[in-house]
């Protein structure tokens, strides 16, 4: 499970950095790598990153727990 968590978090960070590039420079790295934003490959990447974001929602209870609850 730790491996899946790490993969999901890494892809979520990559997606966030891509949106940073889009917001600051109007440069979509995923679209550039995939050959355009409407290619099947780009859409698959966008869907995978979105699924990783949904999966990473499970981290909220872990990071909002109080110290007393950990023991």
PDB file of N, CA and C in Angstrom:
ATOM      1  N   UNK A   1       0.818  -1.194   0.000  1.00  0.00           N
ATOM      2  CA  UNK A   1       0.000   0.000   0.000  1.00  0.00           C
ATOM      3  C   UNK A   1       0.864   1.261   0.000  1.00  0.00           C
ATOM      4  N   UNK A   2       2.020   1.206   0.670  1.00  0.00           N
ATOM      5  CA  UNK A   2       2.900   2.372   0.689  1.00  0.00           C
ATOM      6  C   UNK A   2       3.367   2.728  -0.715  1.00  0.00           C
ATOM      7  N   UNK A   3       3.622   1.727  -1.536  1.00  0.00           N
ATOM      8  CA  UNK A   3       4.065   1.983  -2.901  1.00  0.00           C
ATOM      9  C   UNK A   3       2.979   2.696  -3.695  1.00  0.00           C
ATOM     10  N   UNK A   4       1.744   2.222  -3.575  1.00  0.00           N
ATOM     11  CA  UNK A   4       0.623   2.866  -4.267  1.00  0.00           C
ATOM     12  C   UNK A   4       0.428   4.300  -3.773  1.00  0.00           C
ATOM     13  N   UNK A   5       0.567   4.512  -2.476  1.00  0.00           N
ATOM     14  CA  UNK A   5       0.463   5.861  -1.912  1.00  0.00           C
ATOM     15  C   UNK A   5       1.538   6.775  -2.493  1.00  0.00           C
ATOM     16  N   UNK A   6       2.759   6.276  -2.590  1.00  0.00           N
ATOM     17  CA  UNK A   6       3.860   7.080  -3.113  1.00  0.00           C
ATOM     18  C   UNK A   6       3.659   7.404  -4.590  1.00  0.00           C
ATOM     19  N   UNK A   7       3.202   6.432  -5.349  1.00  0.00           N
ATOM     20  CA  UNK A   7       2.947   6.660  -6.777  1.00  0.00           C
ATOM     21  C   UNK A   7       1.842   7.693  -6.960  1.00  0.00           C
ATOM     22  N   UNK A   8       0.759   7.526  -6.221  1.00  0.00           N
ATOM     23  CA  UNK A   8      -0.368   8.453  -6.331  1.00  0.00           C
ATOM     24  C   UNK A   8       0.040   9.863  -5.935  1.00  0.00           C
ATOM     25  N   UNK A   9       0.778   9.992  -4.860  1.00  0.00           N
ATOM     26  CA  UNK A   9       1.216  11.314  -4.413  1.00  0.00           C
ATOM     27  C   UNK A   9       2.190  11.940  -5.406  1.00  0.00           C
ATOM     28  N   UNK A  10       3.081  11.152  -5.961  1.00  0.00           N
ATOM     29  CA  UNK A  10       4.029  11.659  -6.955  1.00  0.00           C
ATOM     30  C   UNK A  10       3.301  12.166  -8.196  1.00  0.00           C
ATOM     31  N   UNK A  11       2.350  11.389  -8.698  1.00  0.00           N
ATOM     32  CA  UNK A  11       1.597  11.814  -9.877  1.00  0.00           C
ATOM     33  C   UNK A  11       0.735  13.034  -9.587  1.00  0.00           C
ATOM     34  N   UNK A  12       0.221  13.124  -8.383  1.00  0.00           N
ATOM     35  CA  UNK A  12      -0.556  14.296  -8.001  1.00  0.00           C
ATOM     36  C   UNK A  12       0.331  15.545  -7.966  1.00  0.00           C
ATOM     37  N   UNK A  13       1.532  15.408  -7.472  1.00  0.00           N
ATOM     38  CA  UNK A  13       2.476  16.534  -7.445  1.00  0.00           C
ATOM     39  C   UNK A  13       2.863  16.937  -8.867  1.00  0.00           C
ATOM     40  N   UNK A  14       3.119  15.957  -9.723  1.00  0.00           N
ATOM     41  CA  UNK A  14       3.439  16.247 -11.121  1.00  0.00           C
ATOM     42  C   UNK A  14       2.279  16.997 -11.778  1.00  0.00           C
ATOM     43  N   UNK A  15       1.059  16.558 -11.507  1.00  0.00           N
ATOM     44  CA  UNK A  15      -0.113  17.244 -12.053  1.00  0.00           C
ATOM     45  C   UNK A  15      -0.230  18.663 -11.530  1.00  0.00           C
ATOM     46  N   UNK A  16       0.062  18.848 -10.255  1.00  0.00           N
ATOM     47  CA  UNK A  16       0.033  20.189  -9.683  1.00  0.00           C
ATOM     48  C   UNK A  16       1.087  21.095 -10.287  1.00  0.00           C
ATOM     49  N   UNK A  17       2.270  20.547 -10.526  1.00  0.00           N
ATOM     50  CA  UNK A  17       3.321  21.335 -11.172  1.00  0.00           C
ATOM     51  C   UNK A  17       2.946  21.678 -12.609  1.00  0.00           C
ATOM     52  N   UNK A  18       2.267  20.758 -13.283  1.00  0.00           N
ATOM     53  CA  UNK A  18       1.796  21.043 -14.628  1.00  0.00           C
ATOM     54  C   UNK A  18       0.811  22.216 -14.615  1.00  0.00           C
ATOM     55  N   UNK A  19      -0.101  22.221 -13.653  1.00  0.00           N
ATOM     56  CA  UNK A  19      -1.054  23.337 -13.556  1.00  0.00           C
ATOM     57  C   UNK A  19      -0.350  24.637 -13.182  1.00  0.00           C
ATOM     58  N   UNK A  20       0.709  24.551 -12.413  1.00  0.00           N
ATOM     59  CA  UNK A  20       1.508  25.743 -12.115  1.00  0.00           C
ATOM     60  C   UNK A  20       2.092  26.320 -13.399  1.00  0.00           C
ATOM     61  N   UNK A  21       2.628  25.445 -14.244  1.00  0.00           N
ATOM     62  CA  UNK A  21       3.171  25.890 -15.522  1.00  0.00           C
ATOM     63  C   UNK A  21       2.091  26.495 -16.419  1.00  0.00           C
ATOM     64  N   UNK A  22       0.915  25.885 -16.405  1.00  0.00           N
ATOM     65  CA  UNK A  22      -0.195  26.410 -17.198  1.00  0.00           C
ATOM     66  C   UNK A  22      -0.586  27.793 -16.685  1.00  0.00           C
ATOM     67  N   UNK A  23      -0.687  27.939 -15.386  1.00  0.00           N
ATOM     68  CA  UNK A  23      -1.103  29.209 -14.802  1.00  0.00           C
ATOM     69  C   UNK A  23      -0.096  30.326 -14.971  1.00  0.00           C
ATOM     70  N   UNK A  24       1.173  30.008 -14.834  1.00  0.00           N
ATOM     71  CA  UNK A  24       2.194  31.047 -14.913  1.00  0.00           C
ATOM     72  C   UNK A  24       2.643  31.362 -16.332  1.00  0.00           C
ATOM     73  N   UNK A  25       2.777  30.323 -17.140  1.00  0.00           N
ATOM     74  CA  UNK A  25       3.407  30.504 -18.447  1.00  0.00           C
ATOM     75  C   UNK A  25       2.542  30.040 -19.621  1.00  0.00           C
ATOM     76  N   UNK A  26       1.322  29.592 -19.342  1.00  0.00           N
ATOM     77  CA  UNK A  26       0.446  29.038 -20.375  1.00  0.00           C
ATOM     78  C   UNK A  26       1.146  27.928 -21.151  1.00  0.00           C
ATOM     79  N   UNK A  27       1.889  27.091 -20.417  1.00  0.00           N
ATOM     80  CA  UNK A  27       2.635  25.976 -20.998  1.00  0.00           C
ATOM     81  C   UNK A  27       2.152  24.681 -20.360  1.00  0.00           C
ATOM     82  N   UNK A  28       1.531  23.820 -21.159  1.00  0.00           N
ATOM     83  CA  UNK A  28       1.016  22.541 -20.672  1.00  0.00           C
ATOM     84  C   UNK A  28       2.037  21.452 -20.996  1.00  0.00           C
ATOM     85  N   UNK A  29       2.806  21.062 -20.002  1.00  0.00           N
ATOM     86  CA  UNK A  29       3.862  20.074 -20.193  1.00  0.00           C
ATOM     87  C   UNK A  29       3.305  18.728 -20.641  1.00  0.00           C
ATOM     88  N   UNK A  30       2.185  18.318 -20.053  1.00  0.00           N
ATOM     89  CA  UNK A  30       1.574  17.040 -20.427  1.00  0.00           C
ATOM     90  C   UNK A  30       1.190  17.064 -21.899  1.00  0.00           C
ATOM     91  N   UNK A  31       0.557  18.134 -22.339  1.00  0.00           N
ATOM     92  CA  UNK A  31       0.164  18.242 -23.748  1.00  0.00           C
ATOM     93  C   UNK A  31       1.382  18.253 -24.660  1.00  0.00           C
ATOM     94  N   UNK A  32       2.444  18.902 -24.225  1.00  0.00           N
ATOM     95  CA  UNK A  32       3.664  18.949 -25.025  1.00  0.00           C
ATOM     96  C   UNK A  32       4.273  17.560 -25.171  1.00  0.00           C
ATOM     97  N   UNK A  33       4.331  16.831 -24.077  1.00  0.00           N
ATOM     98  CA  UNK A  33       4.899  15.479 -24.105  1.00  0.00           C
ATOM     99  C   UNK A  33       4.008  14.525 -24.890  1.00  0.00           C
ATOM    100  N   UNK A  34       2.693  14.684 -24.735  1.00  0.00           N
ATOM    101  CA  UNK A  34       1.745  13.738 -25.316  1.00  0.00           C
ATOM    102  C   UNK A  34       1.348  14.077 -26.751  1.00  0.00           C
ATOM    103  N   UNK A  35       1.802  15.199 -27.276  1.00  0.00           N
ATOM    104  CA  UNK A  35       1.466  15.534 -28.650  1.00  0.00           C
ATOM    105  C   UNK A  35       0.206  16.363 -28.804  1.00  0.00           C
ATOM    106  N   UNK A  36      -0.234  16.986 -27.745  1.00  0.00           N
ATOM    107  CA  UNK A  36      -1.425  17.834 -27.788  1.00  0.00           C
ATOM    108  C   UNK A  36      -2.392  17.477 -26.680  1.00  0.00           C
ATOM    109  N   UNK A  37      -3.221  18.431 -26.259  1.00  0.00           N
ATOM    110  CA  UNK A  37      -4.110  18.178 -25.128  1.00  0.00           C
ATOM    111  C   UNK A  37      -5.294  17.265 -25.443  1.00  0.00           C
ATOM    112  N   UNK A  38      -5.559  17.031 -26.724  1.00  0.00           N
ATOM    113  CA  UNK A  38      -6.719  16.207 -27.073  1.00  0.00           C
ATOM    114  C   UNK A  38      -6.345  14.800 -27.523  1.00  0.00           C
ATOM    115  N   UNK A  39      -5.058  14.459 -27.470  1.00  0.00           N
ATOM    116  CA  UNK A  39      -4.661  13.102 -27.849  1.00  0.00           C
ATOM    117  C   UNK A  39      -5.111  12.123 -26.769  1.00  0.00           C
ATOM    118  N   UNK A  40      -5.271  10.891 -27.168  1.00  0.00           N
ATOM    119  CA  UNK A  40      -5.684   9.843 -26.218  1.00  0.00           C
ATOM    120  C   UNK A  40      -4.663   9.722 -25.098  1.00  0.00           C
ATOM    121  N   UNK A  41      -3.384   9.799 -25.431  1.00  0.00           N
ATOM    122  CA  UNK A  41      -2.324   9.677 -24.433  1.00  0.00           C
ATOM    123  C   UNK A  41      -2.428  10.788 -23.386  1.00  0.00           C
ATOM    124  N   UNK A  42      -2.646  12.015 -23.826  1.00  0.00           N
ATOM    125  CA  UNK A  42      -2.788  13.134 -22.890  1.00  0.00           C
ATOM    126  C   UNK A  42      -4.017  12.944 -22.013  1.00  0.00           C
ATOM    127  N   UNK A  43      -5.112  12.510 -22.608  1.00  0.00           N
ATOM    128  CA  UNK A  43      -6.336  12.302 -21.831  1.00  0.00           C
ATOM    129  C   UNK A  43      -6.150  11.214 -20.783  1.00  0.00           C
ATOM    130  N   UNK A  44      -5.424  10.164 -21.142  1.00  0.00           N
ATOM    131  CA  UNK A  44      -5.143   9.089 -20.179  1.00  0.00           C
ATOM    132  C   UNK A  44      -4.325   9.637 -19.013  1.00  0.00           C
ATOM    133  N   UNK A  45      -3.327  10.461 -19.321  1.00  0.00           N
ATOM    134  CA  UNK A  45      -2.513  11.053 -18.257  1.00  0.00           C
ATOM    135  C   UNK A  45      -3.371  11.930 -17.349  1.00  0.00           C
ATOM    136  N   UNK A  46      -4.225  12.778 -17.957  1.00  0.00           N
ATOM    137  CA  UNK A  46      -5.093  13.645 -17.157  1.00  0.00           C
ATOM    138  C   UNK A  46      -6.031  12.826 -16.266  1.00  0.00           C
ATOM    139  N   UNK A  47      -6.573  11.747 -16.796  1.00  0.00           N
ATOM    140  CA  UNK A  47      -7.480  10.898 -16.014  1.00  0.00           C
ATOM    141  C   UNK A  47      -6.722  10.220 -14.877  1.00  0.00           C
ATOM    142  N   UNK A  48      -5.541   9.716 -15.137  1.00  0.00           N
ATOM    143  CA  UNK A  48      -4.753   9.051 -14.094  1.00  0.00           C
ATOM    144  C   UNK A  48      -4.409  10.040 -12.980  1.00  0.00           C
ATOM    145  N   UNK A  49      -4.004  11.252 -13.348  1.00  0.00           N
ATOM    146  CA  UNK A  49      -3.685  12.262 -12.329  1.00  0.00           C
ATOM    147  C   UNK A  49      -4.935  12.616 -11.524  1.00  0.00           C
ATOM    148  N   UNK A  50      -6.075  12.721 -12.190  1.00  0.00           N
ATOM    149  CA  UNK A  50      -7.330  12.990 -11.480  1.00  0.00           C
ATOM    150  C   UNK A  50      -7.702  11.871 -10.526  1.00  0.00           C
ATOM    151  N   UNK A  51      -7.522  10.630 -10.945  1.00  0.00           N
ATOM    152  CA  UNK A  51      -7.795   9.494 -10.062  1.00  0.00           C
ATOM    153  C   UNK A  51      -6.841   9.488  -8.872  1.00  0.00           C
ATOM    154  N   UNK A  52      -5.607   9.884  -9.105  1.00  0.00           N
ATOM    155  CA  UNK A  52      -4.642   9.983  -8.001  1.00  0.00           C
ATOM    156  C   UNK A  52      -5.085  11.044  -6.996  1.00  0.00           C
ATOM    157  N   UNK A  53      -5.648  12.142  -7.495  1.00  0.00           N
ATOM    158  CA  UNK A  53      -6.142  13.185  -6.600  1.00  0.00           C
ATOM    159  C   UNK A  53      -7.275  12.649  -5.732  1.00  0.00           C
ATOM    160  N   UNK A  54      -8.176  11.903  -6.337  1.00  0.00           N
ATOM    161  CA  UNK A  54      -9.277  11.306  -5.564  1.00  0.00           C
ATOM    162  C   UNK A  54      -8.726  10.317  -4.544  1.00  0.00           C
ATOM    163  N   UNK A  55      -7.776   9.495  -4.962  1.00  0.00           N
ATOM    164  CA  UNK A  55      -7.168   8.516  -4.060  1.00  0.00           C
ATOM    165  C   UNK A  55      -6.471   9.206  -2.890  1.00  0.00           C
ATOM    166  N   UNK A  56      -5.799  10.320  -3.157  1.00  0.00           N
ATOM    167  CA  UNK A  56      -5.046  11.020  -2.111  1.00  0.00           C
ATOM    168  C   UNK A  56      -5.939  11.729  -1.098  1.00  0.00           C
ATOM    169  N   UNK A  57      -7.223  11.793  -1.340  1.00  0.00           N
ATOM    170  CA  UNK A  57      -8.140  12.338  -0.341  1.00  0.00           C
ATOM    171  C   UNK A  57      -8.076  11.541   0.958  1.00  0.00           C
ATOM    172  N   UNK A  58      -7.671  10.283   0.861  1.00  0.00           N
ATOM    173  CA  UNK A  58      -7.577   9.441   2.055  1.00  0.00           C
ATOM    174  C   UNK A  58      -6.498   9.917   3.024  1.00  0.00           C
ATOM    175  N   UNK A  59      -5.605  10.797   2.553  1.00  0.00           N
ATOM    176  CA  UNK A  59      -4.539  11.297   3.415  1.00  0.00           C
ATOM    177  C   UNK A  59      -5.018  12.358   4.401  1.00  0.00           C
ATOM    178  N   UNK A  60      -6.157  13.004   4.139  1.00  0.00           N
ATOM    179  CA  UNK A  60      -6.623  14.064   5.029  1.00  0.00           C
ATOM    180  C   UNK A  60      -6.805  13.606   6.472  1.00  0.00           C
ATOM    181  N   UNK A  61      -7.457  12.481   6.735  1.00  0.00           N
ATOM    182  CA  UNK A  61      -7.569  12.055   8.139  1.00  0.00           C
ATOM    183  C   UNK A  61      -6.209  11.778   8.782  1.00  0.00           C
ATOM    184  N   UNK A  62      -5.257  11.336   7.992  1.00  0.00           N
ATOM    185  CA  UNK A  62      -3.934  11.037   8.531  1.00  0.00           C
ATOM    186  C   UNK A  62      -3.182  12.300   8.926  1.00  0.00           C
ATOM    187  N   UNK A  63      -3.342  13.385   8.161  1.00  0.00           N
ATOM    188  CA  UNK A  63      -2.591  14.599   8.462  1.00  0.00           C
ATOM    189  C   UNK A  63      -3.339  15.532   9.403  1.00  0.00           C
ATOM    190  N   UNK A  64      -4.609  15.273   9.654  1.00  0.00           N
ATOM    191  CA  UNK A  64      -5.366  16.135  10.554  1.00  0.00           C
ATOM    192  C   UNK A  64      -5.556  15.516  11.927  1.00  0.00           C
ATOM    193  N   UNK A  65      -5.060  14.302  12.111  1.00  0.00           N
ATOM    194  CA  UNK A  65      -5.171  13.663  13.425  1.00  0.00           C
ATOM    195  C   UNK A  65      -4.360  14.414  14.461  1.00  0.00           C
ATOM    196  N   UNK A  66      -4.864  14.416  15.667  1.00  0.00           N
ATOM    197  CA  UNK A  66      -4.119  15.041  16.761  1.00  0.00           C
ATOM    198  C   UNK A  66      -3.020  14.092  17.212  1.00  0.00           C
ATOM    199  N   UNK A  67      -2.010  14.639  17.842  1.00  0.00           N
ATOM    200  CA  UNK A  67      -0.884  13.845  18.324  1.00  0.00           C
ATOM    201  C   UNK A  67      -1.366  12.789  19.309  1.00  0.00           C
ATOM    202  N   UNK A  68      -2.337  13.133  20.166  1.00  0.00           N
ATOM    203  CA  UNK A  68      -2.835  12.196  21.158  1.00  0.00           C
ATOM    204  C   UNK A  68      -3.497  10.982  20.511  1.00  0.00           C
ATOM    205  N   UNK A  69      -4.089  11.175  19.313  1.00  0.00           N
ATOM    206  CA  UNK A  69      -4.775  10.073  18.652  1.00  0.00           C
ATOM    207  C   UNK A  69      -3.815   9.054  18.072  1.00  0.00           C
ATOM    208  N   UNK A  70      -2.550   9.420  17.902  1.00  0.00           N
ATOM    209  CA  UNK A  70      -1.579   8.511  17.299  1.00  0.00           C
ATOM    210  C   UNK A  70      -1.125   7.428  18.259  1.00  0.00           C
ATOM    211  N   UNK A  71      -1.318   7.631  19.561  1.00  0.00           N
ATOM    212  CA  UNK A  71      -0.812   6.673  20.542  1.00  0.00           C
ATOM    213  C   UNK A  71      -1.898   5.937  21.231  1.00  0.00           C
TER     214      UNK A  71
END
